[in-house]
Amino acid sequence: MIHTPRSEALRYLGYRGAQPDEATAALLEERIQAVEGAADPRWTSVEVPLTLRPGGVELGDWSINSEKLRAHLEGCTAALLFGATLGVGVDRLIARSAAGQVTRAAMDQAVAAALIEAVCDDACDQLARRYSGWYLRPRFSPGYGDFPLTAQPELLRRLDGPRKIGLTATDTCLLAPIKSVTAVIGLAKTPGKCHAGGCATCSKVNCTFRRDAK
């Protein structure tokens, strides 16, 4: 079981360097246990050929118009389609907490957000070992820059996400279960950025939840 990074949960709650009071800290530990108990983390990936072209990329026979994705995959010769989820149990837990318990619901959301990122990071560690001799680029998800959110259903279809890990997209291209991630991960034979968190590749500098530069 992947455990929730407490510091990341606090960051999602808005504690940037500050520590919560004793009662808040105790409630956070309780909600970490609850979310982890409800979670069923799963992930899957599929390797595809990559061709860079003006204005976008070709992932196998899938053509995507996105300058940002193309720039992100510069230097890569292949790519991984990737999906991960905490499962429906976490969605149900959050829904129950939201029924009149605002503080607990906010904590469940923050804990789940931190946990799914930890699951993705662990999956990328496993992929890095699997693809020894390759360099993995950071995860780049639909909705980043000009990589359209409407790419979600096709990405999931190519991953066989519904069957493999129970991950689907709604009619509005949102992921279900909610605490899930899809992404494209570039594979390169030359060094570059490793599989850092999304803040490393995001140009939005005024985000409340942005990680401080290291």
C-alpha atoms as a PDB file:
ATOM      1  CA  MET A   1       0.000   0.000   0.000  1.00  0.00           C
ATOM      2  CA  ILE A   2       1.323   3.436  -0.939  1.00  0.00           C
ATOM      3  CA  HIS A   3       1.068   5.858   1.974  1.00  0.00           C
ATOM      4  CA  THR A   4      -0.085   9.469   1.826  1.00  0.00           C
ATOM      5  CA  PRO A   5       2.676  12.081   2.055  1.00  0.00           C
ATOM      6  CA  ARG A   6       1.451  14.161   5.004  1.00  0.00           C
ATOM      7  CA  SER A   7       3.297  17.258   3.783  1.00  0.00           C
ATOM      8  CA  GLU A   8       1.512  17.063   0.430  1.00  0.00           C
ATOM      9  CA  ALA A   9      -1.900  16.701   2.070  1.00  0.00           C
ATOM     10  CA  LEU A  10      -1.117  19.802   4.143  1.00  0.00           C
ATOM     11  CA  ARG A  11      -0.069  21.664   1.006  1.00  0.00           C
ATOM     12  CA  TYR A  12      -3.406  20.881  -0.613  1.00  0.00           C
ATOM     13  CA  LEU A  13      -5.071  22.184   2.541  1.00  0.00           C
ATOM     14  CA  GLY A  14      -3.211  25.464   2.166  1.00  0.00           C
ATOM     15  CA  TYR A  15      -0.528  24.964   4.836  1.00  0.00           C
ATOM     16  CA  ARG A  16       2.509  26.333   3.018  1.00  0.00           C
ATOM     17  CA  GLY A  17       5.258  25.788   5.572  1.00  0.00           C
ATOM     18  CA  ALA A  18       2.942  26.233   8.567  1.00  0.00           C
ATOM     19  CA  GLN A  19       1.866  23.413  10.831  1.00  0.00           C
ATOM     20  CA  PRO A  20      -1.747  22.738  11.886  1.00  0.00           C
ATOM     21  CA  ASP A  21      -2.906  22.928  15.466  1.00  0.00           C
ATOM     22  CA  GLU A  22      -3.167  19.750  17.508  1.00  0.00           C
ATOM     23  CA  ALA A  23      -6.872  19.137  16.809  1.00  0.00           C
ATOM     24  CA  THR A  24      -6.441  19.658  13.060  1.00  0.00           C
ATOM     25  CA  ALA A  25      -3.385  17.398  12.980  1.00  0.00           C
ATOM     26  CA  ALA A  26      -5.310  14.655  14.791  1.00  0.00           C
ATOM     27  CA  LEU A  27      -8.235  14.930  12.371  1.00  0.00           C
ATOM     28  CA  LEU A  28      -5.846  14.825   9.421  1.00  0.00           C
ATOM     29  CA  GLU A  29      -4.285  11.584  10.678  1.00  0.00           C
ATOM     30  CA  GLU A  30      -7.780  10.141  11.070  1.00  0.00           C
ATOM     31  CA  ARG A  31      -8.699  11.097   7.496  1.00  0.00           C
ATOM     32  CA  ILE A  32      -5.434   9.699   6.115  1.00  0.00           C
ATOM     33  CA  GLN A  33      -6.329   6.353   7.679  1.00  0.00           C
ATOM     34  CA  ALA A  34      -9.870   6.557   6.305  1.00  0.00           C
ATOM     35  CA  VAL A  35      -8.837   7.427   2.746  1.00  0.00           C
ATOM     36  CA  GLU A  36      -6.091   4.812   2.635  1.00  0.00           C
ATOM     37  CA  GLY A  37      -8.547   2.245   3.970  1.00  0.00           C
ATOM     38  CA  ALA A  38     -11.041   3.069   1.211  1.00  0.00           C
ATOM     39  CA  ALA A  39      -8.465   3.181  -1.590  1.00  0.00           C
ATOM     40  CA  ASP A  40      -7.799   0.443  -4.109  1.00  0.00           C
ATOM     41  CA  PRO A  41      -4.854   1.918  -6.041  1.00  0.00           C
ATOM     42  CA  ARG A  42      -4.325   0.573  -9.544  1.00  0.00           C
ATOM     43  CA  TRP A  43      -2.449   1.724 -12.621  1.00  0.00           C
ATOM     44  CA  THR A  44      -1.692   0.624 -16.151  1.00  0.00           C
ATOM     45  CA  SER A  45       0.438   1.752 -19.088  1.00  0.00           C
ATOM     46  CA  VAL A  46       0.868   1.044 -22.794  1.00  0.00           C
ATOM     47  CA  GLU A  47       3.967   1.816 -24.858  1.00  0.00           C
ATOM     48  CA  VAL A  48       3.336   3.478 -28.229  1.00  0.00           C
ATOM     49  CA  PRO A  49       5.550   4.757 -31.059  1.00  0.00           C
ATOM     50  CA  LEU A  50       6.082   8.516 -31.073  1.00  0.00           C
ATOM     51  CA  THR A  51       6.467  10.885 -34.001  1.00  0.00           C
ATOM     52  CA  LEU A  52       6.873  14.626 -33.495  1.00  0.00           C
ATOM     53  CA  ARG A  53       5.388  16.856 -36.180  1.00  0.00           C
ATOM     54  CA  PRO A  54       4.706  20.571 -36.580  1.00  0.00           C
ATOM     55  CA  GLY A  55       1.863  21.495 -34.234  1.00  0.00           C
ATOM     56  CA  GLY A  56       1.559  18.172 -32.472  1.00  0.00           C
ATOM     57  CA  VAL A  57       2.471  14.505 -32.128  1.00  0.00           C
ATOM     58  CA  GLU A  58       1.550  11.074 -33.451  1.00  0.00           C
ATOM     59  CA  LEU A  59       1.171   8.421 -30.749  1.00  0.00           C
ATOM     60  CA  GLY A  60       1.005   5.345 -32.904  1.00  0.00           C
ATOM     61  CA  ASP A  61      -1.950   6.034 -35.196  1.00  0.00           C
ATOM     62  CA  TRP A  62      -3.391   8.649 -32.814  1.00  0.00           C
ATOM     63  CA  SER A  63      -2.808  12.207 -34.000  1.00  0.00           C
ATOM     64  CA  ILE A  64      -2.911  14.956 -31.339  1.00  0.00           C
ATOM     65  CA  ASN A  65      -2.705  18.670 -32.103  1.00  0.00           C
ATOM     66  CA  SER A  66      -0.839  20.195 -29.158  1.00  0.00           C
ATOM     67  CA  GLU A  67       2.209  22.437 -29.337  1.00  0.00           C
ATOM     68  CA  LYS A  68       2.769  22.057 -25.584  1.00  0.00           C
ATOM     69  CA  LEU A  69       2.742  18.262 -25.722  1.00  0.00           C
ATOM     70  CA  ARG A  70       5.085  18.302 -28.704  1.00  0.00           C
ATOM     71  CA  ALA A  71       7.536  20.582 -26.887  1.00  0.00           C
ATOM     72  CA  HIS A  72       7.292  18.437 -23.765  1.00  0.00           C
ATOM     73  CA  LEU A  73       8.186  15.290 -25.729  1.00  0.00           C
ATOM     74  CA  GLU A  74      11.095  16.854 -27.609  1.00  0.00           C
ATOM     75  CA  GLY A  75      13.981  14.374 -27.678  1.00  0.00           C
ATOM     76  CA  CYS A  76      11.754  11.349 -27.037  1.00  0.00           C
ATOM     77  CA  THR A  77      11.492   8.444 -29.460  1.00  0.00           C
ATOM     78  CA  ALA A  78       8.607   6.558 -27.794  1.00  0.00           C
ATOM     79  CA  ALA A  79       5.924   7.255 -25.223  1.00  0.00           C
ATOM     80  CA  LEU A  80       3.792   5.603 -22.579  1.00  0.00           C
ATOM     81  CA  LEU A  81       0.074   6.141 -22.202  1.00  0.00           C
ATOM     82  CA  PHE A  82      -0.599   6.020 -18.481  1.00  0.00           C
ATOM     83  CA  GLY A  83      -3.592   5.806 -16.162  1.00  0.00           C
ATOM     84  CA  ALA A  84      -3.980   5.434 -12.392  1.00  0.00           C
ATOM     85  CA  THR A  85      -6.878   5.534  -9.945  1.00  0.00           C
ATOM     86  CA  LEU A  86      -7.679   5.215  -6.247  1.00  0.00           C
ATOM     87  CA  GLY A  87     -10.942   3.428  -7.079  1.00  0.00           C
ATOM     88  CA  VAL A  88     -14.602   4.120  -6.352  1.00  0.00           C
ATOM     89  CA  GLY A  89     -14.273   3.575  -2.611  1.00  0.00           C
ATOM     90  CA  VAL A  90     -12.539   6.919  -2.173  1.00  0.00           C
ATOM     91  CA  ASP A  91     -15.235   8.689  -4.199  1.00  0.00           C
ATOM     92  CA  ARG A  92     -17.882   7.177  -1.923  1.00  0.00           C
ATOM     93  CA  LEU A  93     -15.969   8.195   1.201  1.00  0.00           C
ATOM     94  CA  ILE A  94     -15.674  11.795  -0.009  1.00  0.00           C
ATOM     95  CA  ALA A  95     -19.374  11.872  -0.898  1.00  0.00           C
ATOM     96  CA  ARG A  96     -20.305  10.702   2.602  1.00  0.00           C
ATOM     97  CA  SER A  97     -18.017  13.284   4.207  1.00  0.00           C
ATOM     98  CA  ALA A  98     -19.488  16.038   2.052  1.00  0.00           C
ATOM     99  CA  ALA A  99     -22.947  15.404   3.514  1.00  0.00           C
ATOM    100  CA  GLY A 100     -22.761  18.111   6.169  1.00  0.00           C
ATOM    101  CA  GLN A 101     -19.152  17.684   7.338  1.00  0.00           C
ATOM    102  CA  VAL A 102     -17.299  20.358   5.402  1.00  0.00           C
ATOM    103  CA  THR A 103     -13.973  20.183   7.238  1.00  0.00           C
ATOM    104  CA  ARG A 104     -13.749  16.418   6.994  1.00  0.00           C
ATOM    105  CA  ALA A 105     -14.713  16.519   3.300  1.00  0.00           C
ATOM    106  CA  ALA A 106     -11.983  19.077   2.585  1.00  0.00           C
ATOM    107  CA  MET A 107      -9.441  16.896   4.326  1.00  0.00           C
ATOM    108  CA  ASP A 108     -10.566  13.798   2.441  1.00  0.00           C
ATOM    109  CA  GLN A 109     -10.170  15.690  -0.837  1.00  0.00           C
ATOM    110  CA  ALA A 110      -6.681  16.862   0.108  1.00  0.00           C
ATOM    111  CA  VAL A 111      -5.552  13.454   1.341  1.00  0.00           C
ATOM    112  CA  ALA A 112      -6.882  11.732  -1.774  1.00  0.00           C
ATOM    113  CA  ALA A 113      -5.156  14.266  -4.035  1.00  0.00           C
ATOM    114  CA  ALA A 114      -1.849  13.639  -2.266  1.00  0.00           C
ATOM    115  CA  LEU A 115      -2.353   9.877  -2.332  1.00  0.00           C
ATOM    116  CA  ILE A 116      -3.093   9.619  -6.072  1.00  0.00           C
ATOM    117  CA  GLU A 117       0.063  11.626  -6.803  1.00  0.00           C
ATOM    118  CA  ALA A 118       2.054   9.261  -4.578  1.00  0.00           C
ATOM    119  CA  VAL A 119       0.572   6.292  -6.438  1.00  0.00           C
ATOM    120  CA  CYS A 120       1.561   7.872  -9.771  1.00  0.00           C
ATOM    121  CA  ASP A 121       5.083   8.605  -8.532  1.00  0.00           C
ATOM    122  CA  ASP A 122       5.499   5.029  -7.337  1.00  0.00           C
ATOM    123  CA  ALA A 123       4.199   3.723 -10.679  1.00  0.00           C
ATOM    124  CA  CYS A 124       6.731   5.901 -12.504  1.00  0.00           C
ATOM    125  CA  ASP A 125       9.491   4.529 -10.277  1.00  0.00           C
ATOM    126  CA  GLN A 126       8.437   1.042 -11.341  1.00  0.00           C
ATOM    127  CA  LEU A 127       8.321   2.093 -14.989  1.00  0.00           C
ATOM    128  CA  ALA A 128      11.797   3.623 -14.725  1.00  0.00           C
ATOM    129  CA  ARG A 129      13.115   0.260 -13.518  1.00  0.00           C
ATOM    130  CA  ARG A 130      11.209  -1.545 -16.257  1.00  0.00           C
ATOM    131  CA  TYR A 131      12.641   0.768 -18.923  1.00  0.00           C
ATOM    132  CA  SER A 132      16.233   0.580 -17.757  1.00  0.00           C
ATOM    133  CA  GLY A 133      18.465   2.651 -20.009  1.00  0.00           C
ATOM    134  CA  TRP A 134      15.664   5.065 -20.861  1.00  0.00           C
ATOM    135  CA  TYR A 135      14.851   8.455 -19.374  1.00  0.00           C
ATOM    136  CA  LEU A 136      11.223   9.105 -18.428  1.00  0.00           C
ATOM    137  CA  ARG A 137       9.851  12.583 -18.987  1.00  0.00           C
ATOM    138  CA  PRO A 138       7.326  14.039 -16.506  1.00  0.00           C
ATOM    139  CA  ARG A 139       3.687  13.006 -16.784  1.00  0.00           C
ATOM    140  CA  PHE A 140       1.746  15.311 -19.113  1.00  0.00           C
ATOM    141  CA  SER A 141      -2.024  15.038 -18.729  1.00  0.00           C
ATOM    142  CA  PRO A 142      -4.998  16.068 -20.862  1.00  0.00           C
ATOM    143  CA  GLY A 143      -5.945  19.560 -19.729  1.00  0.00           C
ATOM    144  CA  TYR A 144      -2.323  20.725 -19.436  1.00  0.00           C
ATOM    145  CA  GLY A 145      -1.706  23.695 -21.749  1.00  0.00           C
ATOM    146  CA  ASP A 146      -3.255  23.026 -25.156  1.00  0.00           C
ATOM    147  CA  PHE A 147      -3.442  19.234 -24.675  1.00  0.00           C
ATOM    148  CA  PRO A 148      -7.253  19.059 -24.775  1.00  0.00           C
ATOM    149  CA  LEU A 149      -9.315  17.453 -22.027  1.00  0.00           C
ATOM    150  CA  THR A 150     -11.362  15.909 -24.839  1.00  0.00           C
ATOM    151  CA  ALA A 151      -8.435  13.496 -25.359  1.00  0.00           C
ATOM    152  CA  GLN A 152      -9.432  11.591 -22.195  1.00  0.00           C
ATOM    153  CA  PRO A 153     -11.869   9.090 -23.782  1.00  0.00           C
ATOM    154  CA  GLU A 154      -9.438   8.118 -26.545  1.00  0.00           C
ATOM    155  CA  LEU A 155      -6.531   7.807 -24.133  1.00  0.00           C
ATOM    156  CA  LEU A 156      -8.626   5.548 -21.916  1.00  0.00           C
ATOM    157  CA  ARG A 157      -9.771   3.486 -24.900  1.00  0.00           C
ATOM    158  CA  ARG A 158      -6.176   2.871 -25.924  1.00  0.00           C
ATOM    159  CA  LEU A 159      -5.250   1.986 -22.346  1.00  0.00           C
ATOM    160  CA  ASP A 160      -8.260  -0.338 -22.048  1.00  0.00           C
ATOM    161  CA  GLY A 161      -8.766   1.612 -18.831  1.00  0.00           C
ATOM    162  CA  PRO A 162     -12.350   0.542 -18.038  1.00  0.00           C
ATOM    163  CA  ARG A 163     -11.469  -3.146 -18.120  1.00  0.00           C
ATOM    164  CA  LYS A 164      -7.968  -3.026 -16.663  1.00  0.00           C
ATOM    165  CA  ILE A 165      -8.370  -0.594 -13.762  1.00  0.00           C
ATOM    166  CA  GLY A 166     -12.041   0.468 -13.784  1.00  0.00           C
ATOM    167  CA  LEU A 167     -11.214   3.960 -15.083  1.00  0.00           C
ATOM    168  CA  THR A 168     -13.667   5.732 -17.390  1.00  0.00           C
ATOM    169  CA  ALA A 169     -14.510   9.256 -18.574  1.00  0.00           C
ATOM    170  CA  THR A 170     -17.820  11.062 -18.264  1.00  0.00           C
ATOM    171  CA  ASP A 171     -19.634  12.770 -21.143  1.00  0.00           C
ATOM    172  CA  THR A 172     -17.814  15.968 -20.144  1.00  0.00           C
ATOM    173  CA  CYS A 173     -14.422  14.185 -20.273  1.00  0.00           C
ATOM    174  CA  LEU A 174     -13.884  14.125 -16.507  1.00  0.00           C
ATOM    175  CA  LEU A 175     -12.374  10.995 -15.015  1.00  0.00           C
ATOM    176  CA  ALA A 176     -14.414   8.520 -12.992  1.00  0.00           C
ATOM    177  CA  PRO A 177     -13.445   7.605 -10.315  1.00  0.00           C
ATOM    178  CA  ILE A 178     -12.621  11.247  -9.611  1.00  0.00           C
ATOM    179  CA  LYS A 179      -9.291  10.653  -7.870  1.00  0.00           C
ATOM    180  CA  SER A 180      -7.560   9.370 -10.975  1.00  0.00           C
ATOM    181  CA  VAL A 181      -4.874  10.508 -13.404  1.00  0.00           C
ATOM    182  CA  THR A 182      -4.170   9.910 -17.075  1.00  0.00           C
ATOM    183  CA  ALA A 183      -1.037  11.104 -18.829  1.00  0.00           C
ATOM    184  CA  VAL A 184       1.496  10.724 -21.590  1.00  0.00           C
ATOM    185  CA  ILE A 185       5.053   9.934 -20.470  1.00  0.00           C
ATOM    186  CA  GLY A 186       7.875  10.419 -22.945  1.00  0.00           C
ATOM    187  CA  LEU A 187      10.710   7.892 -23.286  1.00  0.00           C
ATOM    188  CA  ALA A 188      14.097   9.211 -24.346  1.00  0.00           C
ATOM    189  CA  LYS A 189      17.607   7.837 -24.687  1.00  0.00           C
ATOM    190  CA  THR A 190      19.090  11.160 -23.662  1.00  0.00           C
ATOM    191  CA  PRO A 191      18.896  12.781 -20.205  1.00  0.00           C
ATOM    192  CA  GLY A 192      16.226  15.325 -19.468  1.00  0.00           C
ATOM    193  CA  LYS A 193      13.696  15.967 -16.759  1.00  0.00           C
ATOM    194  CA  CYS A 194      12.814  12.907 -14.735  1.00  0.00           C
ATOM    195  CA  HIS A 195       9.261  12.061 -13.685  1.00  0.00           C
ATOM    196  CA  ALA A 196       8.829  15.145 -11.528  1.00  0.00           C
ATOM    197  CA  GLY A 197       5.450  16.367 -10.337  1.00  0.00           C
ATOM    198  CA  GLY A 198       3.125  18.349 -12.564  1.00  0.00           C
ATOM    199  CA  CYS A 199       4.291  21.715 -11.171  1.00  0.00           C
ATOM    200  CA  ALA A 200       7.597  21.197 -13.002  1.00  0.00           C
ATOM    201  CA  THR A 201       5.855  21.431 -16.355  1.00  0.00           C
ATOM    202  CA  CYS A 202       3.030  23.852 -15.593  1.00  0.00           C
ATOM    203  CA  SER A 203       3.329  27.500 -16.590  1.00  0.00           C
ATOM    204  CA  LYS A 204       0.670  28.698 -14.104  1.00  0.00           C
ATOM    205  CA  VAL A 205       2.769  30.390 -11.433  1.00  0.00           C
ATOM    206  CA  ASN A 206      -0.087  31.873  -9.372  1.00  0.00           C
ATOM    207  CA  CYS A 207      -1.634  28.521  -8.404  1.00  0.00           C
ATOM    208  CA  THR A 208      -2.448  28.207  -4.692  1.00  0.00           C
ATOM    209  CA  PHE A 209      -1.232  24.614  -4.658  1.00  0.00           C
ATOM    210  CA  ARG A 210       1.985  25.078  -6.659  1.00  0.00           C
ATOM    211  CA  ARG A 211       5.050  23.408  -5.180  1.00  0.00           C
ATOM    212  CA  ASP A 212       7.909  25.768  -4.369  1.00  0.00           C
ATOM    213  CA  ALA A 213      10.834  25.523  -6.762  1.00  0.00           C
ATOM    214  CA  LYS A 214      13.690  23.420  -5.457  1.00  0.00           C
END
